[in-house]
Structure formats: structure tokens, C-alpha cells
C-alpha atoms as a PDB file:
ATOM      1  CA  UNK A   1    -145.859  -5.204 -45.599  1.00  0.00           C
ATOM      2  CA  UNK A   2    -147.816  -3.779 -43.463  1.00  0.00           C
ATOM      3  CA  UNK A   3    -151.774  -4.710 -43.812  1.00  0.00           C
ATOM      4  CA  UNK A   4    -153.395  -2.174 -41.090  1.00  0.00           C
ATOM      5  CA  UNK A   5    -153.854   1.099 -42.262  1.00  0.00           C
ATOM      6  CA  UNK A   6    -151.977   2.995 -38.975  1.00  0.00           C
ATOM      7  CA  UNK A   7    -149.407   0.855 -39.856  1.00  0.00           C
ATOM      8  CA  UNK A   8    -149.023   2.049 -43.353  1.00  0.00           C
ATOM      9  CA  UNK A   9    -149.221   5.194 -41.832  1.00  0.00           C
ATOM     10  CA  UNK A  10    -146.590   4.477 -39.361  1.00  0.00           C
ATOM     11  CA  UNK A  11    -144.441   3.621 -42.338  1.00  0.00           C
ATOM     12  CA  UNK A  12    -144.795   6.415 -44.304  1.00  0.00           C
ATOM     13  CA  UNK A  13    -144.282   8.970 -41.300  1.00  0.00           C
ATOM     14  CA  UNK A  14    -141.455   7.141 -40.100  1.00  0.00           C
ATOM     15  CA  UNK A  15    -139.694   7.272 -43.393  1.00  0.00           C
ATOM     16  CA  UNK A  16    -139.674  10.994 -43.225  1.00  0.00           C
ATOM     17  CA  UNK A  17    -138.284  11.360 -39.734  1.00  0.00           C
ATOM     18  CA  UNK A  18    -135.478   8.868 -40.704  1.00  0.00           C
ATOM     19  CA  UNK A  19    -134.577  11.505 -43.383  1.00  0.00           C
ATOM     20  CA  UNK A  20    -135.289  14.484 -41.907  1.00  0.00           C
ATOM     21  CA  UNK A  21    -132.739  13.072 -38.879  1.00  0.00           C
ATOM     22  CA  UNK A  22    -130.248  11.986 -41.382  1.00  0.00           C
ATOM     23  CA  UNK A  23    -129.674  15.099 -43.474  1.00  0.00           C
ATOM     24  CA  UNK A  24    -129.588  16.938 -40.204  1.00  0.00           C
ATOM     25  CA  UNK A  25    -127.053  14.427 -38.683  1.00  0.00           C
ATOM     26  CA  UNK A  26    -124.921  14.849 -42.096  1.00  0.00           C
ATOM     27  CA  UNK A  27    -124.943  18.416 -41.617  1.00  0.00           C
ATOM     28  CA  UNK A  28    -123.864  18.135 -38.117  1.00  0.00           C
ATOM     29  CA  UNK A  29    -121.088  16.083 -39.731  1.00  0.00           C
ATOM     30  CA  UNK A  30    -120.326  18.755 -42.576  1.00  0.00           C
ATOM     31  CA  UNK A  31    -120.269  21.627 -39.938  1.00  0.00           C
ATOM     32  CA  UNK A  32    -117.562  19.646 -37.968  1.00  0.00           C
ATOM     33  CA  UNK A  33    -115.205  19.270 -40.720  1.00  0.00           C
ATOM     34  CA  UNK A  34    -115.882  22.729 -41.427  1.00  0.00           C
ATOM     35  CA  UNK A  35    -114.370  23.657 -37.852  1.00  0.00           C
ATOM     36  CA  UNK A  36    -111.596  21.062 -38.481  1.00  0.00           C
ATOM     37  CA  UNK A  37    -110.460  22.438 -41.857  1.00  0.00           C
ATOM     38  CA  UNK A  38    -109.583  26.037 -40.421  1.00  0.00           C
ATOM     39  CA  UNK A  39    -106.390  27.189 -40.221  1.00  0.00           C
ATOM     40  CA  UNK A  40    -106.799  30.354 -38.737  1.00  0.00           C
ATOM     41  CA  UNK A  41    -108.183  31.424 -35.125  1.00  0.00           C
ATOM     42  CA  UNK A  42    -110.744  33.536 -35.961  1.00  0.00           C
ATOM     43  CA  UNK A  43    -112.599  31.426 -38.882  1.00  0.00           C
ATOM     44  CA  UNK A  44    -112.400  28.460 -36.642  1.00  0.00           C
ATOM     45  CA  UNK A  45    -114.279  30.762 -34.516  1.00  0.00           C
ATOM     46  CA  UNK A  46    -117.361  31.789 -36.939  1.00  0.00           C
ATOM     47  CA  UNK A  47    -117.416  28.026 -37.739  1.00  0.00           C
ATOM     48  CA  UNK A  48    -117.605  27.365 -34.253  1.00  0.00           C
ATOM     49  CA  UNK A  49    -120.282  28.890 -33.640  1.00  0.00           C
ATOM     50  CA  UNK A  50    -122.499  27.779 -36.501  1.00  0.00           C
ATOM     51  CA  UNK A  51    -121.754  24.457 -35.728  1.00  0.00           C
ATOM     52  CA  UNK A  52    -122.476  24.705 -31.828  1.00  0.00           C
ATOM     53  CA  UNK A  53    -125.533  26.552 -32.501  1.00  0.00           C
ATOM     54  CA  UNK A  54    -126.646  23.584 -35.394  1.00  0.00           C
ATOM     55  CA  UNK A  55    -125.514  20.804 -32.839  1.00  0.00           C
ATOM     56  CA  UNK A  56    -127.939  22.201 -29.787  1.00  0.00           C
ATOM     57  CA  UNK A  57    -130.329  22.868 -32.077  1.00  0.00           C
ATOM     58  CA  UNK A  58    -130.281  18.914 -33.112  1.00  0.00           C
ATOM     59  CA  UNK A  59    -129.831  17.568 -29.767  1.00  0.00           C
ATOM     60  CA  UNK A  60    -133.148  19.993 -28.625  1.00  0.00           C
ATOM     61  CA  UNK A  61    -134.994  17.946 -31.074  1.00  0.00           C
ATOM     62  CA  UNK A  62    -133.657  14.347 -30.134  1.00  0.00           C
ATOM     63  CA  UNK A  63    -131.640  13.821 -33.671  1.00  0.00           C
ATOM     64  CA  UNK A  64    -128.544  12.805 -31.128  1.00  0.00           C
ATOM     65  CA  UNK A  65    -128.186  12.589 -27.941  1.00  0.00           C
ATOM     66  CA  UNK A  66    -127.804  15.252 -25.550  1.00  0.00           C
ATOM     67  CA  UNK A  67    -124.423  13.817 -24.081  1.00  0.00           C
ATOM     68  CA  UNK A  68    -123.209  13.241 -27.701  1.00  0.00           C
ATOM     69  CA  UNK A  69    -124.140  16.545 -28.255  1.00  0.00           C
ATOM     70  CA  UNK A  70    -121.861  17.644 -25.260  1.00  0.00           C
ATOM     71  CA  UNK A  71    -118.565  15.439 -26.771  1.00  0.00           C
ATOM     72  CA  UNK A  72    -118.958  17.128 -30.067  1.00  0.00           C
ATOM     73  CA  UNK A  73    -118.964  20.865 -28.878  1.00  0.00           C
ATOM     74  CA  UNK A  74    -115.997  19.650 -26.443  1.00  0.00           C
ATOM     75  CA  UNK A  75    -114.197  18.323 -29.112  1.00  0.00           C
ATOM     76  CA  UNK A  76    -114.502  21.429 -31.634  1.00  0.00           C
ATOM     77  CA  UNK A  77    -113.805  23.894 -28.717  1.00  0.00           C
ATOM     78  CA  UNK A  78    -110.725  22.422 -27.736  1.00  0.00           C
ATOM     79  CA  UNK A  79    -109.538  22.099 -31.774  1.00  0.00           C
ATOM     80  CA  UNK A  80    -110.573  26.275 -31.779  1.00  0.00           C
ATOM     81  CA  UNK A  81    -108.996  26.799 -28.508  1.00  0.00           C
ATOM     82  CA  UNK A  82    -105.551  25.411 -29.959  1.00  0.00           C
ATOM     83  CA  UNK A  83    -105.347  27.048 -32.852  1.00  0.00           C
ATOM     84  CA  UNK A  84    -103.279  30.061 -33.463  1.00  0.00           C
ATOM     85  CA  UNK A  85    -104.352  33.911 -33.909  1.00  0.00           C
ATOM     86  CA  UNK A  86    -102.624  34.524 -37.489  1.00  0.00           C
END
């Protein structure tokens, strides 16, 4: 257990950040699943738009690496482009 006041504060702040980061990463995964579950192209494009916006926001804030974000966006876009319009 920490003895210094600054170390105790660091424990509190790092826990808050951990939970915030975990929530963001979880939301990214959920949005990705939503895109991959899309059957129609127009629905997939709408879900893709939401997912890409949130992935960019998450990467900008440093919660995921920019290359990780780029990889996720590329996979989602490739999937949506492969869907057939109904």
C-alpha cells in the first residue's frame, strides 16, 4: 500500500483512467460487432460511420494506438464494401 500522499492520489487517478479507458475500448468492440452483424449495405454504412467516428475519437485521446485504430477502420470498411445492396 502507498505511504505518500502523491502515491495515494496516483492510485485514485489511475483507477479512474483505467475504468474510462476500459469503457471506451468496450464501446469500440460493441460498435464493431454491430457493423459485422449488418446484413444490408445501407445499414452497414450507417453503423460504420458511427464506429469510425468513435474509433477516431478514442485514438485521438490516446486510449488506443493510432495504428490499431487504422487497422480496425480498414477491416470494417472492407467488410461493408463487400456487402450487397438490397
